[in-house]
Protein backbone atom coordinates (compact mmCIF):
# COMPACT_ATOMS: atom_id res chain seq x y z
CA MET A 1 -246.01 -111.30 22.86
CA SER A 2 -242.74 -113.12 22.19
CA VAL A 3 -241.75 -114.16 18.68
CA ALA A 4 -240.08 -117.51 18.10
CA PRO A 5 -236.58 -117.16 16.65
CA LEU A 6 -236.23 -117.97 12.97
CA PRO A 7 -233.95 -120.85 11.90
CA LEU A 8 -230.43 -119.66 11.53
CA ASP A 9 -229.06 -120.01 8.00
CA LEU A 10 -225.30 -120.11 8.03
CA ALA A 11 -225.22 -118.69 4.54
CA ASP A 12 -226.92 -115.52 5.78
CA GLU A 13 -224.42 -114.86 8.56
CA PRO A 14 -222.24 -111.80 8.20
CA GLY A 15 -219.02 -112.68 6.43
CA SER A 16 -220.27 -116.09 5.29
CA SER A 17 -220.10 -117.25 1.68
CA THR A 18 -222.52 -119.30 -0.39
CA THR A 19 -219.58 -121.47 -1.55
CA PRO A 20 -219.22 -124.60 0.61
CA SER A 21 -216.10 -124.77 2.70
CA PRO A 22 -213.35 -127.31 1.90
CA VAL A 23 -214.19 -129.25 5.05
CA ARG A 24 -217.81 -129.54 3.99
CA LYS A 25 -216.78 -130.73 0.52
CA ILE A 26 -214.53 -133.39 2.01
CA GLY A 27 -217.30 -134.48 4.36
CA GLU A 28 -219.77 -134.78 1.50
CA GLN A 29 -217.32 -136.85 -0.53
CA VAL A 30 -216.68 -139.18 2.40
CA LEU A 31 -220.41 -139.61 3.04
CA ASN A 32 -221.04 -140.27 -0.64
CA ALA A 33 -218.24 -142.85 -0.72
CA VAL A 34 -219.58 -144.63 2.36
CA THR A 35 -223.08 -144.60 0.89
CA GLU A 36 -221.83 -146.07 -2.40
CA VAL A 37 -219.91 -148.82 -0.61
CA GLY A 38 -222.94 -149.70 1.50
CA ASP A 39 -225.22 -149.73 -1.53
CA LEU A 40 -222.77 -151.93 -3.44
CA THR A 41 -222.62 -154.32 -0.48
CA ILE A 42 -226.41 -154.63 -0.44
CA PHE A 43 -226.38 -155.13 -4.21
CA CYS A 44 -223.80 -157.92 -3.86
CA GLY A 45 -225.86 -159.57 -1.12
CA LEU A 46 -228.99 -159.55 -3.27
CA THR A 47 -227.06 -160.99 -6.21
CA MET A 48 -225.64 -163.81 -4.09
CA SER A 49 -229.04 -164.61 -2.60
CA TRP A 50 -230.64 -164.92 -6.05
CA LEU A 51 -227.65 -166.87 -7.36
CA PHE A 52 -228.08 -169.61 -4.76
CA SER A 53 -231.87 -169.58 -4.58
CA ARG A 54 -232.83 -169.85 -8.27
CA ARG A 55 -230.88 -171.04 -11.30
CA PRO A 56 -231.10 -168.75 -14.33
CA LYS A 57 -232.56 -170.14 -17.54
CA TRP A 58 -230.24 -171.31 -20.30
CA SER A 59 -231.97 -168.98 -22.75
CA VAL A 60 -230.63 -166.08 -20.66
CA LEU A 61 -227.24 -167.58 -19.79
CA VAL A 62 -226.09 -168.57 -23.28
CA PRO A 63 -226.21 -165.03 -24.80
CA SER A 64 -224.28 -163.69 -21.80
CA PHE A 65 -221.68 -166.45 -22.12
CA TYR A 66 -221.24 -165.68 -25.82
CA ALA A 67 -221.04 -161.89 -25.41
CA ILE A 68 -218.69 -162.00 -22.43
CA GLY A 69 -216.58 -165.06 -23.22
CA VAL A 70 -216.44 -165.83 -26.92
CA GLN A 71 -216.34 -162.25 -28.16
CA SER A 72 -213.54 -161.40 -25.70
CA VAL A 73 -211.17 -164.09 -27.02
CA PRO A 74 -209.61 -162.04 -29.88
CA VAL A 75 -208.73 -158.97 -27.81
CA VAL A 76 -207.39 -161.08 -24.93
CA ALA A 77 -205.32 -163.24 -27.28
CA ILE A 78 -203.82 -160.26 -29.09
CA THR A 79 -203.04 -158.49 -25.81
CA GLY A 80 -201.38 -161.57 -24.32
CA THR A 81 -199.29 -162.18 -27.43
CA PHE A 82 -197.88 -158.67 -27.58
CA ILE A 83 -197.23 -158.54 -23.83
CA GLY A 84 -195.05 -161.66 -24.12
CA MET A 85 -193.24 -160.17 -27.12
CA VAL A 86 -192.66 -156.86 -25.36
CA LEU A 87 -191.31 -158.61 -22.25
CA ALA A 88 -188.86 -160.54 -24.39
CA VAL A 89 -187.59 -157.45 -26.20
CA GLN A 90 -187.27 -155.33 -23.04
CA ALA A 91 -185.61 -157.97 -20.84
CA TYR A 92 -183.21 -159.47 -23.36
CA SER A 93 -180.54 -156.75 -23.28
CA GLN A 94 -180.25 -156.85 -19.48
CA PHE A 95 -180.03 -160.63 -19.34
CA GLU A 96 -177.56 -160.68 -22.24
CA MET A 97 -175.19 -158.34 -20.37
CA MET A 98 -175.20 -160.72 -17.39
CA GLY A 99 -174.78 -163.80 -19.57
CA LEU A 100 -178.22 -165.13 -18.59
CA ALA A 101 -180.01 -164.89 -21.92
CA THR A 102 -181.02 -168.57 -21.79
CA ARG A 103 -182.95 -167.89 -18.56
CA LEU A 104 -185.11 -165.32 -20.28
CA GLY A 105 -187.98 -167.79 -20.62
CA SER A 106 -188.31 -168.32 -16.88
CA VAL A 107 -188.74 -164.60 -16.19
CA ILE A 108 -191.15 -164.00 -19.06
CA ASN A 109 -193.34 -167.00 -18.36
CA ILE A 110 -193.56 -166.65 -14.60
CA SER A 111 -194.41 -162.97 -14.98
CA LEU A 112 -197.17 -163.88 -17.41
CA VAL A 113 -198.82 -166.73 -15.54
CA LYS A 114 -198.70 -165.13 -12.08
CA GLU A 115 -199.36 -161.45 -12.70
CA LEU A 116 -199.58 -160.03 -16.20
CA GLY A 117 -201.84 -162.69 -17.70
CA PRO A 118 -204.62 -162.50 -15.06
CA VAL A 119 -204.42 -158.71 -14.63
CA LEU A 120 -204.40 -157.92 -18.34
CA ALA A 121 -207.18 -160.39 -19.10
CA ALA A 122 -209.27 -158.81 -16.34
CA THR A 123 -208.44 -155.31 -17.58
CA MET A 124 -209.51 -156.18 -21.12
CA LEU A 125 -212.68 -157.74 -19.74
CA ALA A 126 -213.41 -154.62 -17.69
CA GLY A 127 -212.84 -152.36 -20.66
CA ARG A 128 -214.77 -154.36 -23.23
CA VAL A 129 -217.43 -156.12 -21.17
CA GLY A 130 -217.71 -154.04 -17.99
CA SER A 131 -218.35 -150.78 -19.79
CA SER A 132 -220.78 -152.51 -22.15
CA MET A 133 -222.78 -154.02 -19.29
CA ALA A 134 -222.94 -150.71 -17.45
CA ALA A 135 -224.06 -148.86 -20.60
CA GLU A 136 -226.66 -151.52 -21.45
CA LEU A 137 -228.16 -151.64 -17.97
CA GLY A 138 -227.94 -147.86 -17.67
CA THR A 139 -229.93 -147.47 -20.88
CA MET A 140 -232.49 -149.92 -19.56
CA ARG A 141 -232.73 -147.89 -16.35
CA VAL A 142 -233.14 -144.60 -18.21
CA THR A 143 -235.79 -146.01 -20.58
CA GLU A 144 -237.59 -147.63 -17.60
CA GLN A 145 -237.15 -151.16 -18.93
CA ILE A 146 -235.92 -152.34 -15.53
CA ASP A 147 -239.07 -150.93 -13.93
CA ALA A 148 -241.13 -152.75 -16.56
CA ILE A 149 -239.40 -156.04 -15.71
CA SER A 150 -240.25 -155.52 -12.05
CA ALA A 151 -243.85 -154.67 -12.95
CA LEU A 152 -244.16 -157.97 -14.83
CA GLY A 153 -243.25 -159.87 -11.67
CA THR A 154 -239.63 -160.71 -12.55
CA ASN A 155 -236.79 -159.70 -10.28
CA PRO A 156 -234.38 -157.57 -12.36
CA ILE A 157 -231.33 -158.69 -10.39
CA ASN A 158 -232.10 -162.36 -11.02
CA TYR A 159 -232.89 -161.74 -14.68
CA LEU A 160 -230.19 -159.21 -15.58
CA VAL A 161 -227.34 -159.41 -13.08
CA VAL A 162 -226.99 -163.09 -12.16
CA PRO A 163 -226.38 -164.34 -15.75
CA ARG A 164 -223.74 -161.68 -16.33
CA PHE A 165 -222.12 -162.46 -12.99
CA LEU A 166 -221.94 -166.18 -13.77
CA ALA A 167 -220.54 -165.51 -17.24
CA CYS A 168 -217.76 -163.30 -15.87
CA VAL A 169 -216.83 -165.64 -13.02
CA LEU A 170 -216.89 -168.87 -15.03
CA LEU A 171 -215.24 -167.62 -18.22
CA ILE A 172 -212.52 -165.27 -17.00
CA PRO A 173 -210.27 -168.21 -15.93
CA LEU A 174 -210.42 -169.51 -19.51
CA LEU A 175 -209.59 -166.05 -20.85
CA THR A 176 -206.69 -165.88 -18.39
CA LEU A 177 -205.33 -169.19 -19.65
CA MET A 178 -205.71 -167.91 -23.21
CA ALA A 179 -203.72 -164.77 -22.34
CA ASP A 180 -201.04 -166.89 -20.62
CA PHE A 181 -200.74 -169.27 -23.57
CA MET A 182 -200.53 -166.56 -26.21
CA GLY A 183 -198.03 -164.58 -24.11
CA VAL A 184 -195.80 -167.62 -23.66
CA ILE A 185 -195.90 -168.33 -27.40
CA GLY A 186 -195.24 -164.70 -28.31
CA GLY A 187 -192.30 -164.43 -25.91
CA ALA A 188 -190.83 -167.72 -27.12
CA VAL A 189 -191.07 -166.78 -30.81
CA VAL A 190 -189.36 -163.43 -30.29
CA SER A 191 -186.70 -164.88 -27.96
CA THR A 192 -185.76 -167.92 -30.03
CA GLN A 193 -186.35 -166.69 -33.57
CA LEU A 194 -185.65 -162.95 -33.43
CA LEU A 195 -183.17 -162.69 -30.54
CA LYS A 196 -181.54 -166.08 -31.26
CA VAL A 197 -181.78 -167.49 -27.73
CA ASP A 198 -181.14 -171.24 -27.66
CA SER A 199 -184.60 -172.82 -27.69
CA PHE A 200 -183.59 -175.91 -25.70
CA TYR A 201 -182.31 -173.93 -22.70
CA TYR A 202 -185.13 -171.41 -23.05
CA TRP A 203 -187.76 -174.09 -22.45
CA TYR A 204 -185.54 -176.01 -20.00
CA HIS A 205 -185.24 -173.08 -17.60
CA SER A 206 -188.91 -172.23 -18.08
CA ARG A 207 -189.87 -175.74 -17.01
CA GLN A 208 -187.50 -175.58 -14.04
CA TYR A 209 -188.76 -172.29 -12.63
CA VAL A 210 -192.43 -172.17 -13.59
CA GLY A 211 -194.63 -174.74 -11.89
CA SER A 212 -198.29 -175.63 -11.66
CA LEU A 213 -198.59 -173.65 -8.42
CA ASP A 214 -197.67 -170.46 -10.27
CA LEU A 215 -200.31 -171.14 -12.90
CA LEU A 216 -202.84 -171.89 -10.17
CA ALA A 217 -202.08 -168.57 -8.47
CA GLY A 218 -203.02 -166.63 -11.59
CA VAL A 219 -206.20 -168.61 -12.23
CA PHE A 220 -207.21 -168.27 -8.57
CA LYS A 221 -206.96 -164.49 -8.80
CA SER A 222 -209.08 -164.37 -11.94
CA TYR A 223 -212.21 -165.59 -10.13
CA PHE A 224 -212.11 -162.59 -7.82
CA PHE A 225 -211.37 -160.25 -10.72
CA GLY A 226 -214.40 -161.52 -12.64
CA SER A 227 -216.66 -161.18 -9.61
CA ALA A 228 -215.56 -157.58 -9.02
CA ILE A 229 -215.99 -156.61 -12.68
CA ALA A 230 -219.51 -158.06 -12.91
CA LEU A 231 -220.80 -156.64 -9.63
CA ILE A 232 -219.31 -153.16 -10.04
CA SER A 233 -220.39 -152.81 -13.67
CA CYS A 234 -223.95 -154.01 -13.06
CA HIS A 235 -224.24 -151.80 -9.98
CA ARG A 236 -223.14 -148.74 -11.94
CA GLY A 237 -225.63 -149.55 -14.68
CA PHE A 238 -228.50 -150.06 -12.23
CA HIS A 239 -227.80 -146.68 -10.64
CA SER A 240 -227.23 -144.72 -13.85
CA LYS A 241 -228.42 -141.12 -13.98
CA ALA A 242 -230.89 -139.93 -16.57
CA GLY A 243 -229.81 -138.93 -20.06
CA ALA A 244 -226.93 -139.80 -22.34
CA GLU A 245 -224.48 -138.13 -19.98
CA GLY A 246 -225.59 -140.35 -17.10
CA VAL A 247 -225.20 -143.54 -19.15
CA GLY A 248 -221.76 -142.47 -20.36
CA LYS A 249 -220.70 -141.63 -16.81
CA ALA A 250 -221.92 -145.03 -15.60
CA ALA A 251 -219.85 -146.81 -18.28
CA THR A 252 -216.76 -144.78 -17.41
CA GLU A 253 -217.16 -145.38 -13.68
CA ALA A 254 -217.65 -149.10 -14.30
CA PHE A 255 -214.25 -149.39 -15.97
CA VAL A 256 -212.39 -147.09 -13.57
CA TYR A 257 -213.78 -148.68 -10.41
CA SER A 258 -213.29 -152.19 -11.82
CA PHE A 259 -209.66 -151.46 -12.67
CA ILE A 260 -208.98 -150.07 -9.19
CA ALA A 261 -210.67 -153.12 -7.66
CA ILE A 262 -208.50 -155.43 -9.80
CA LEU A 263 -205.31 -153.79 -8.52
CA VAL A 264 -206.46 -153.83 -4.89
CA ILE A 265 -207.57 -157.46 -5.07
CA ASP A 266 -204.31 -158.43 -6.77
CA PHE A 267 -202.33 -156.84 -3.95
CA ILE A 268 -204.38 -158.49 -1.19
CA ILE A 269 -204.34 -161.94 -2.80
CA GLY A 270 -200.60 -161.62 -3.42
CA ILE A 271 -199.96 -161.07 0.29
CA PHE A 272 -202.34 -163.90 1.20
CA TRP A 273 -200.75 -166.29 -1.30
CA ASN A 274 -197.24 -165.61 -0.01
CA ALA A 275 -198.38 -166.12 3.58
CA VAL A 276 -199.97 -169.47 2.72
CA TYR A 277 -196.90 -170.53 0.73
CA TYR A 278 -194.50 -169.87 3.60
CA ALA A 279 -196.89 -171.46 6.08
CA ILE A 280 -196.82 -174.70 4.08
CA TRP A 281 -193.11 -174.53 3.16
CA PRO A 282 -191.47 -172.48 5.95
CA ASN A 283 -187.90 -173.30 4.79
CA ALA A 284 -188.44 -172.11 1.24
CA THR A 285 -186.07 -169.41 0.02
CA GLY A 286 -188.49 -167.87 -2.46
CA LEU A 287 -191.56 -168.38 -4.57
CA LEU A 288 -189.43 -169.41 -7.55
């Protein structure tokens, strides 16, 4: 009578080790990354479907608007102010050596409205709001509150994610404008009062080199930044592991992934914006 061969366990082979090989570790990481991206894509699709199929109630929207928008104003304003002041202090010596100190305002302001204002406002939002949303939703997942919402007949994505998504998308442009305004004021005060740059030429060159299109570029980016922060943070919270360690890990991942997404989106939109600019004005010598 023949005996069927037993399944071959690679760990039991002569010379094999119970420690996974480096190739297997890399493969597992790649599969996990692909799985996470696919799960996030499905999560985004569900959020968009609920966003356009049913309007959230004001009783749910208003607290999200207050927590995400109003309470973020102080940290965004302080960050924008000091970024403008730091730019003025760091750039003044170089411009002074070239005899271009009066053009300091154009460099400071265009850097703020096009890049630093939107990116820093989004970073502050990811750190203050993104981590908070992930921790809150992660706690609700661990304590089975999300399951209770589903048991009561309410879709948790419509009730928990859509209001936060709308608050981030609609309010981050205003926070960006706040960061731009405070940075411009901070840079102007340091340049004209502390560094003694002529205020007339400071604002004259700023007006000559910084236009509405530059301001629009920064505000345009902020919509994508807010969308990424809301979706990534809520997704991390919804998929939080059990225990305090899992909730803390979800909050950390929400900020890290959101910050990486902000940088990637900024790079892609920057290339797209330049391409559109030169397609409309092919004879332009530069974006300034």
